[in-house]
C-alpha atoms as a PDB file:
ATOM      1  CA  MET A   1       4.030 119.307 104.055  1.00  0.00           C
ATOM      2  CA  PRO A   2       5.052 120.057 100.880  1.00  0.00           C
ATOM      3  CA  ARG A   3       7.634 117.695  99.034  1.00  0.00           C
ATOM      4  CA  ALA A   4      11.050 119.392  98.661  1.00  0.00           C
ATOM      5  CA  ALA A   5      12.431 120.457  94.851  1.00  0.00           C
ATOM      6  CA  THR A   6      14.909 118.381  93.185  1.00  0.00           C
ATOM      7  CA  VAL A   7      17.051 120.475  91.025  1.00  0.00           C
ATOM      8  CA  VAL A   8      17.564 118.714  88.294  1.00  0.00           C
ATOM      9  CA  PRO A   9      20.529 119.589  86.036  1.00  0.00           C
ATOM     10  CA  SER A  10      20.470 120.793  82.780  1.00  0.00           C
ATOM     11  CA  GLU A  11      21.212 119.503  79.433  1.00  0.00           C
ATOM     12  CA  GLY A  12      24.946 119.245  78.265  1.00  0.00           C
ATOM     13  CA  SER A  13      26.310 120.613  82.273  1.00  0.00           C
ATOM     14  CA  VAL A  14      29.259 118.942  83.945  1.00  0.00           C
ATOM     15  CA  ARG A  15      29.360 117.067  87.022  1.00  0.00           C
ATOM     16  CA  CYS A  16      32.807 117.788  88.020  1.00  0.00           C
ATOM     17  CA  ALA A  17      34.169 116.168  91.670  1.00  0.00           C
ATOM     18  CA  PRO A  18      35.081 118.523  94.901  1.00  0.00           C
ATOM     19  CA  ARG A  19      39.066 119.913  94.389  1.00  0.00           C
ATOM     20  CA  ARG A  20      42.357 120.027  95.839  1.00  0.00           C
ATOM     21  CA  THR A  21      44.179 122.522  97.306  1.00  0.00           C
ATOM     22  CA  THR A  22      48.080 121.177  98.311  1.00  0.00           C
ATOM     23  CA  VAL A  23      50.332 122.642 100.856  1.00  0.00           C
ATOM     24  CA  ARG A  24      51.626 124.825  98.066  1.00  0.00           C
ATOM     25  CA  GLY A  25      47.891 126.133  96.717  1.00  0.00           C
ATOM     26  CA  ARG A  26      47.930 124.333  93.882  1.00  0.00           C
ATOM     27  CA  VAL A  27      44.138 122.485  92.735  1.00  0.00           C
ATOM     28  CA  ASP A  28      44.991 118.788  92.956  1.00  0.00           C
ATOM     29  CA  ILE A  29      41.953 117.253  90.199  1.00  0.00           C
ATOM     30  CA  GLY A  30      43.108 113.385  91.474  1.00  0.00           C
ATOM     31  CA  LYS A  31      44.399 111.317  90.289  1.00  0.00           C
ATOM     32  CA  LYS A  32      42.592 107.921  89.592  1.00  0.00           C
ATOM     33  CA  PRO A  33      44.885 105.119  92.224  1.00  0.00           C
ATOM     34  CA  ALA A  34      46.676 101.847  90.203  1.00  0.00           C
ATOM     35  CA  ARG A  35      44.824  99.435  90.101  1.00  0.00           C
ATOM     36  CA  PRO A  36      45.371  96.265  90.550  1.00  0.00           C
ATOM     37  CA  TYR A  37      47.259  94.474  87.227  1.00  0.00           C
ATOM     38  CA  GLN A  38      48.649  98.144  86.669  1.00  0.00           C
ATOM     39  CA  ARG A  39      51.056  97.744  90.074  1.00  0.00           C
ATOM     40  CA  THR A  40      52.248  93.956  89.311  1.00  0.00           C
ATOM     41  CA  ALA A  41      53.809  95.215  86.376  1.00  0.00           C
ATOM     42  CA  ARG A  42      55.647  97.761  88.191  1.00  0.00           C
ATOM     43  CA  LYS A  43      56.849  95.568  90.587  1.00  0.00           C
ATOM     44  CA  ARG A  44      57.664  93.137  87.466  1.00  0.00           C
ATOM     45  CA  ARG A  45      59.692  95.892  85.588  1.00  0.00           C
ATOM     46  CA  LEU A  46      61.471  96.433  89.382  1.00  0.00           C
ATOM     47  CA  ALA A  47      62.420  92.977  89.565  1.00  0.00           C
ATOM     48  CA  ARG A  48      63.708  92.848  86.452  1.00  0.00           C
ATOM     49  CA  ALA A  49      66.024  95.693  86.716  1.00  0.00           C
ATOM     50  CA  GLY A  50      67.427  94.440  89.828  1.00  0.00           C
ATOM     51  CA  PRO A  51      69.730  92.043  88.476  1.00  0.00           C
ATOM     52  CA  ARG A  52      71.284  95.072  86.066  1.00  0.00           C
ATOM     53  CA  ILE A  53      71.888  97.769  88.652  1.00  0.00           C
ATOM     54  CA  ALA A  54      73.754  95.281  91.180  1.00  0.00           C
ATOM     55  CA  ALA A  55      75.531  94.561  88.025  1.00  0.00           C
ATOM     56  CA  THR A  56      76.366  98.186  87.459  1.00  0.00           C
ATOM     57  CA  GLU A  57      77.532  98.558  91.217  1.00  0.00           C
ATOM     58  CA  ALA A  58      79.090  95.383  90.725  1.00  0.00           C
ATOM     59  CA  SER A  59      81.359  96.382  87.995  1.00  0.00           C
ATOM     60  CA  ALA A  60      82.125  99.999  89.344  1.00  0.00           C
ATOM     61  CA  SER A  61      82.884  98.157  92.165  1.00  0.00           C
ATOM     62  CA  TYR A  62      85.523  96.202  90.601  1.00  0.00           C
ATOM     63  CA  HIS A  63      86.853  98.705  88.227  1.00  0.00           C
ATOM     64  CA  ARG A  64      88.153 100.892  91.811  1.00  0.00           C
ATOM     65  CA  ALA A  65      89.777  98.113  93.127  1.00  0.00           C
ATOM     66  CA  VAL A  66      91.306  97.873  89.875  1.00  0.00           C
ATOM     67  CA  ASP A  67      92.564 101.504  89.516  1.00  0.00           C
ATOM     68  CA  ALA A  68      93.676 101.183  93.896  1.00  0.00           C
ATOM     69  CA  ALA A  69      95.854  98.453  93.244  1.00  0.00           C
ATOM     70  CA  ARG A  70      97.469 100.048  89.850  1.00  0.00           C
ATOM     71  CA  ARG A  71      97.757 102.762  91.537  1.00  0.00           C
ATOM     72  CA  VAL A  72      99.998 101.037  94.755  1.00  0.00           C
ATOM     73  CA  ARG A  73     101.339  99.196  92.015  1.00  0.00           C
ATOM     74  CA  LEU A  74     102.480 102.061  90.068  1.00  0.00           C
ATOM     75  CA  SER A  75     103.753 103.858  93.607  1.00  0.00           C
ATOM     76  CA  LYS A  76     105.876 101.234  94.568  1.00  0.00           C
ATOM     77  CA  TRP A  77     107.692 101.512  90.885  1.00  0.00           C
ATOM     78  CA  LEU A  78     108.665 104.666  91.631  1.00  0.00           C
ATOM     79  CA  SER A  79     109.432 104.188  94.577  1.00  0.00           C
ATOM     80  CA  LEU A  80     112.229 101.452  93.525  1.00  0.00           C
ATOM     81  CA  VAL A  81     113.114 103.590  90.543  1.00  0.00           C
ATOM     82  CA  LEU A  82     113.187 107.099  92.533  1.00  0.00           C
ATOM     83  CA  ARG A  83     114.883 106.158  95.874  1.00  0.00           C
ATOM     84  CA  HIS A  84     116.788 102.939  95.321  1.00  0.00           C
ATOM     85  CA  LYS A  85     117.346 101.661  92.087  1.00  0.00           C
ATOM     86  CA  PRO A  86     117.012 103.988  88.898  1.00  0.00           C
ATOM     87  CA  GLU A  87     119.290 101.969  86.957  1.00  0.00           C
ATOM     88  CA  SER A  88     116.684  99.218  86.775  1.00  0.00           C
ATOM     89  CA  VAL A  89     115.165 100.587  84.692  1.00  0.00           C
ATOM     90  CA  GLY A  90     118.377 102.053  82.669  1.00  0.00           C
ATOM     91  CA  VAL A  91     117.295 105.932  83.643  1.00  0.00           C
ATOM     92  CA  ALA A  92     120.218 107.575  86.430  1.00  0.00           C
ATOM     93  CA  LEU A  93     118.531 110.194  88.728  1.00  0.00           C
ATOM     94  CA  GLY A  94     120.153 114.348  87.839  1.00  0.00           C
ATOM     95  CA  ASP A  95     120.576 117.058  91.288  1.00  0.00           C
ATOM     96  CA  GLY A  96     118.205 117.173  93.726  1.00  0.00           C
ATOM     97  CA  GLY A  97     117.361 113.414  92.937  1.00  0.00           C
ATOM     98  CA  TRP A  98     115.163 114.909  89.420  1.00  0.00           C
ATOM     99  CA  ILE A  99     114.366 112.903  86.448  1.00  0.00           C
ATOM    100  CA  ALA A 100     112.115 114.678  83.503  1.00  0.00           C
ATOM    101  CA  VAL A 101     108.881 112.916  83.184  1.00  0.00           C
ATOM    102  CA  LYS A 102     109.531 111.783  79.844  1.00  0.00           C
ATOM    103  CA  ASP A 103     112.637 109.895  80.416  1.00  0.00           C
ATOM    104  CA  LEU A 104     110.816 108.833  83.100  1.00  0.00           C
ATOM    105  CA  LEU A 105     107.637 107.959  80.730  1.00  0.00           C
ATOM    106  CA  GLY A 106     109.596 106.354  77.750  1.00  0.00           C
ATOM    107  CA  ALA A 107     110.983 103.627  80.606  1.00  0.00           C
ATOM    108  CA  LEU A 108     107.882 101.965  81.429  1.00  0.00           C
ATOM    109  CA  SER A 109     106.627 102.483  77.564  1.00  0.00           C
ATOM    110  CA  ALA A 110     109.338 100.216  76.794  1.00  0.00           C
ATOM    111  CA  ARG A 111     108.566  97.640  79.778  1.00  0.00           C
ATOM    112  CA  GLY A 112     105.119  97.278  78.306  1.00  0.00           C
ATOM    113  CA  GLU A 113     103.035  99.597  81.437  1.00  0.00           C
ATOM    114  CA  ARG A 114     101.025 101.991  79.939  1.00  0.00           C
ATOM    115  CA  VAL A 115     101.589 105.458  82.233  1.00  0.00           C
ATOM    116  CA  SER A 116     100.354 108.752  81.134  1.00  0.00           C
ATOM    117  CA  ARG A 117     101.789 111.913  82.632  1.00  0.00           C
ATOM    118  CA  ASP A 118      98.334 112.143  83.351  1.00  0.00           C
ATOM    119  CA  ASP A 119      98.615 109.288  85.890  1.00  0.00           C
ATOM    120  CA  LEU A 120     101.493 110.388  87.604  1.00  0.00           C
ATOM    121  CA  ALA A 121     100.259 113.675  88.116  1.00  0.00           C
ATOM    122  CA  GLU A 122      96.546 111.523  89.575  1.00  0.00           C
ATOM    123  CA  LEU A 123      99.155 109.706  92.454  1.00  0.00           C
ATOM    124  CA  VAL A 124     100.739 112.551  93.567  1.00  0.00           C
ATOM    125  CA  ARG A 125      98.177 114.961  94.271  1.00  0.00           C
ATOM    126  CA  THR A 126      96.134 111.727  95.800  1.00  0.00           C
ATOM    127  CA  SER A 127      99.238 109.475  97.765  1.00  0.00           C
ATOM    128  CA  ASP A 128      98.544 110.053 101.309  1.00  0.00           C
ATOM    129  CA  LYS A 129     101.827 110.116 102.091  1.00  0.00           C
ATOM    130  CA  GLN A 130     103.108 112.593  99.271  1.00  0.00           C
ATOM    131  CA  ARG A 131     106.354 110.370  98.706  1.00  0.00           C
ATOM    132  CA  PHE A 132     106.564 112.594  95.123  1.00  0.00           C
ATOM    133  CA  ALA A 133     106.677 115.216  93.541  1.00  0.00           C
ATOM    134  CA  PHE A 134     106.794 118.075  90.705  1.00  0.00           C
ATOM    135  CA  ASP A 135     109.649 120.803  90.273  1.00  0.00           C
ATOM    136  CA  ASP A 136     108.389 124.084  89.530  1.00  0.00           C
ATOM    137  CA  THR A 137     107.796 123.827  85.611  1.00  0.00           C
ATOM    138  CA  GLY A 138     105.905 120.154  85.939  1.00  0.00           C
ATOM    139  CA  GLU A 139     108.821 118.366  83.806  1.00  0.00           C
ATOM    140  CA  ARG A 140     110.061 116.445  86.247  1.00  0.00           C
ATOM    141  CA  ILE A 141     109.969 114.567  88.854  1.00  0.00           C
ATOM    142  CA  ARG A 142     111.287 113.020  92.900  1.00  0.00           C
ATOM    143  CA  ALA A 143     110.646 111.513  95.659  1.00  0.00           C
ATOM    144  CA  ASN A 144     111.251 113.774  98.121  1.00  0.00           C
ATOM    145  CA  GLN A 145     113.001 110.906 100.484  1.00  0.00           C
ATOM    146  CA  GLY A 146     113.884 107.769 101.411  1.00  0.00           C
ATOM    147  CA  HIS A 147     116.915 107.241  99.114  1.00  0.00           C
ATOM    148  CA  SER A 148     118.938 105.080  99.921  1.00  0.00           C
ATOM    149  CA  VAL A 149     121.463 106.049  96.519  1.00  0.00           C
ATOM    150  CA  ALA A 150     123.315 108.784  96.959  1.00  0.00           C
ATOM    151  CA  ILE A 151     120.959 112.203  95.993  1.00  0.00           C
ATOM    152  CA  ASP A 152     121.674 115.497  97.610  1.00  0.00           C
ATOM    153  CA  LEU A 153     118.385 116.641  98.263  1.00  0.00           C
ATOM    154  CA  ALA A 154     119.618 120.517  98.871  1.00  0.00           C
ATOM    155  CA  LEU A 155     117.417 120.691 101.714  1.00  0.00           C
ATOM    156  CA  PRO A 156     117.950 123.599 104.041  1.00  0.00           C
ATOM    157  CA  GLU A 157     118.918 123.390 108.217  1.00  0.00           C
ATOM    158  CA  ALA A 158     116.000 123.690 109.561  1.00  0.00           C
ATOM    159  CA  THR A 159     114.875 124.186 112.969  1.00  0.00           C
ATOM    160  CA  PRO A 160     113.281 120.837 114.701  1.00  0.00           C
ATOM    161  CA  PRO A 161     109.605 121.112 116.884  1.00  0.00           C
ATOM    162  CA  PRO A 162     110.709 120.609 121.277  1.00  0.00           C
ATOM    163  CA  ARG A 163     109.262 117.005 120.030  1.00  0.00           C
ATOM    164  CA  LEU A 164     109.473 114.165 117.005  1.00  0.00           C
ATOM    165  CA  PHE A 165     107.584 110.875 116.527  1.00  0.00           C
ATOM    166  CA  HIS A 166     109.413 108.360 115.005  1.00  0.00           C
ATOM    167  CA  GLY A 167     106.759 104.772 115.150  1.00  0.00           C
ATOM    168  CA  THR A 168     109.076 101.219 114.687  1.00  0.00           C
ATOM    169  CA  PRO A 169     108.284  97.592 115.057  1.00  0.00           C
ATOM    170  CA  ARG A 170     108.757  96.975 118.818  1.00  0.00           C
ATOM    171  CA  ARG A 171     111.069  93.780 117.979  1.00  0.00           C
ATOM    172  CA  PHE A 172     113.943  97.374 116.930  1.00  0.00           C
ATOM    173  CA  VAL A 173     113.227  98.520 120.613  1.00  0.00           C
ATOM    174  CA  ASP A 174     116.456  96.988 122.711  1.00  0.00           C
ATOM    175  CA  ALA A 175     119.008  97.150 119.483  1.00  0.00           C
ATOM    176  CA  ILE A 176     117.417 101.631 119.450  1.00  0.00           C
ATOM    177  CA  ARG A 177     118.004 101.432 123.281  1.00  0.00           C
ATOM    178  CA  LYS A 178     121.760 100.646 122.922  1.00  0.00           C
ATOM    179  CA  GLU A 179     122.715 102.230 119.556  1.00  0.00           C
ATOM    180  CA  GLY A 180     120.148 105.228 119.083  1.00  0.00           C
ATOM    181  CA  LEU A 181     118.156 106.036 115.870  1.00  0.00           C
ATOM    182  CA  ILE A 182     120.516 104.907 113.179  1.00  0.00           C
ATOM    183  CA  LYS A 183     120.005 105.571 109.010  1.00  0.00           C
ATOM    184  CA  GLY A 184     120.543 102.170 108.197  1.00  0.00           C
ATOM    185  CA  GLU A 185     120.769 101.972 104.354  1.00  0.00           C
ATOM    186  CA  ARG A 186     119.006 105.660 103.687  1.00  0.00           C
ATOM    187  CA  HIS A 187     120.788 109.507 104.123  1.00  0.00           C
ATOM    188  CA  HIS A 188     118.870 110.199 107.076  1.00  0.00           C
ATOM    189  CA  VAL A 189     116.792 108.762 110.139  1.00  0.00           C
ATOM    190  CA  HIS A 190     112.966 109.856 109.111  1.00  0.00           C
ATOM    191  CA  LEU A 191     111.045 111.688 112.025  1.00  0.00           C
ATOM    192  CA  SER A 192     107.283 112.241 112.221  1.00  0.00           C
ATOM    193  CA  LEU A 193     105.771 115.603 113.462  1.00  0.00           C
ATOM    194  CA  ASP A 194     102.517 113.955 115.175  1.00  0.00           C
ATOM    195  CA  GLU A 195     102.395 110.429 117.302  1.00  0.00           C
ATOM    196  CA  ALA A 196      99.046 109.024 114.470  1.00  0.00           C
ATOM    197  CA  THR A 197     101.743 109.631 111.602  1.00  0.00           C
ATOM    198  CA  ALA A 198     104.668 107.995 112.899  1.00  0.00           C
ATOM    199  CA  LYS A 199     102.367 104.638 114.300  1.00  0.00           C
ATOM    200  CA  ASN A 200     100.781 103.970 110.988  1.00  0.00           C
ATOM    201  CA  VAL A 201     105.090 104.480 109.877  1.00  0.00           C
ATOM    202  CA  GLY A 202     106.102 101.845 111.919  1.00  0.00           C
ATOM    203  CA  GLN A 203     103.679  99.055 111.702  1.00  0.00           C
ATOM    204  CA  ARG A 204     103.942  98.534 107.948  1.00  0.00           C
ATOM    205  CA  ARG A 205     106.700  95.330 109.263  1.00  0.00           C
ATOM    206  CA  GLY A 206     104.432  94.419 112.769  1.00  0.00           C
ATOM    207  CA  VAL A 207     103.623  95.700 115.673  1.00  0.00           C
ATOM    208  CA  ALA A 208     104.301  99.193 116.333  1.00  0.00           C
ATOM    209  CA  VAL A 209     105.757 101.304 119.054  1.00  0.00           C
ATOM    210  CA  VAL A 210     106.004 105.088 118.796  1.00  0.00           C
ATOM    211  CA  LEU A 211     109.354 107.267 120.439  1.00  0.00           C
ATOM    212  CA  HIS A 212     109.341 110.696 121.408  1.00  0.00           C
ATOM    213  CA  VAL A 213     112.540 112.330 119.807  1.00  0.00           C
ATOM    214  CA  HIS A 214     113.875 115.947 121.924  1.00  0.00           C
ATOM    215  CA  ALA A 215     114.585 117.077 119.052  1.00  0.00           C
ATOM    216  CA  ASP A 216     114.966 120.777 120.699  1.00  0.00           C
ATOM    217  CA  ALA A 217     117.419 119.185 122.845  1.00  0.00           C
ATOM    218  CA  MET A 218     119.718 117.557 119.750  1.00  0.00           C
ATOM    219  CA  ALA A 219     119.949 120.750 118.007  1.00  0.00           C
ATOM    220  CA  LYS A 220     120.854 123.237 121.103  1.00  0.00           C
ATOM    221  CA  GLU A 221     124.163 120.388 120.960  1.00  0.00           C
ATOM    222  CA  GLY A 222     124.586 120.653 116.916  1.00  0.00           C
ATOM    223  CA  HIS A 223     123.153 118.101 115.451  1.00  0.00           C
ATOM    224  CA  VAL A 224     121.148 119.048 111.887  1.00  0.00           C
ATOM    225  CA  PHE A 225     117.661 118.832 111.190  1.00  0.00           C
ATOM    226  CA  TYR A 226     116.055 119.301 107.434  1.00  0.00           C
ATOM    227  CA  ARG A 227     112.578 118.842 106.400  1.00  0.00           C
ATOM    228  CA  SER A 228     111.268 117.652 103.292  1.00  0.00           C
ATOM    229  CA  ALA A 229     108.623 118.399 101.308  1.00  0.00           C
ATOM    230  CA  ASN A 230     106.288 116.203 102.783  1.00  0.00           C
ATOM    231  CA  GLY A 231     106.557 117.314 105.703  1.00  0.00           C
ATOM    232  CA  VAL A 232     109.122 114.668 107.409  1.00  0.00           C
ATOM    233  CA  TRP A 233     111.634 115.502 109.569  1.00  0.00           C
ATOM    234  CA  LEU A 234     115.522 113.910 109.031  1.00  0.00           C
ATOM    235  CA  THR A 235     118.789 114.399 110.671  1.00  0.00           C
ATOM    236  CA  GLU A 236     121.760 111.808 110.677  1.00  0.00           C
ATOM    237  CA  HIS A 237     121.147 109.834 114.317  1.00  0.00           C
ATOM    238  CA  VAL A 238     119.718 110.052 117.253  1.00  0.00           C
ATOM    239  CA  PRO A 239     121.248 108.931 119.986  1.00  0.00           C
ATOM    240  CA  SER A 240     119.471 107.076 122.640  1.00  0.00           C
ATOM    241  CA  ARG A 241     119.690 109.923 125.471  1.00  0.00           C
ATOM    242  CA  PHE A 242     117.589 111.781 123.485  1.00  0.00           C
ATOM    243  CA  ILE A 243     114.779 108.958 123.112  1.00  0.00           C
ATOM    244  CA  VAL A 244     111.697 108.619 125.297  1.00  0.00           C
ATOM    245  CA  PHE A 245     111.096 104.532 125.578  1.00  0.00           C
ATOM    246  CA  PRO A 246     107.672 103.795 126.172  1.00  0.00           C
END
């Protein structure tokens, strides 16, 4: 039986590994697997980078917390000045509760507070309750409601929806049954458009209950309502006969 012929590659010829085609149709000429010492070195590099990554993330988290705390402090300061005690920092509120932004920033600066116009704009923009607002020019700022100082916000009368809501700590319910909702030191009683908002407001000072107010019936009897720029409904007094208690 004759032997099969042996093919001897000619001089200069190159043997190539079979080519593989990837899913995208590209030719993959193959990649050598990483040697053991290469894998070990990579693990060491990742291990060294771990603490740096963790430190960077911790630093970012810290700065976010600091920024949030600063915004809360600034919001409380503005509430004090624009709602209750402008004289505490040597300023006065103008018509409608407005104050010039430059005067407000000057009062802050005189007390060592480094607050910029951009800081105020960010606070107004991001406040979930929209407590403050700029005028159309952006040169004045005021609180939307909640004043204890004598201020006329010049709000137009508004027709309320059939039902509004008021959140209050449970310990006040018995007094409200007798007196209704009174404005106290504020200019108006504050009412919310939905139960969730009312509950959030009420639970700031304890376990909250939500009272339902028949606003349409009040309006028919001559009670006047206003609506602030941030959607809070305002009225002078809510007699208990218009309140549905839980």
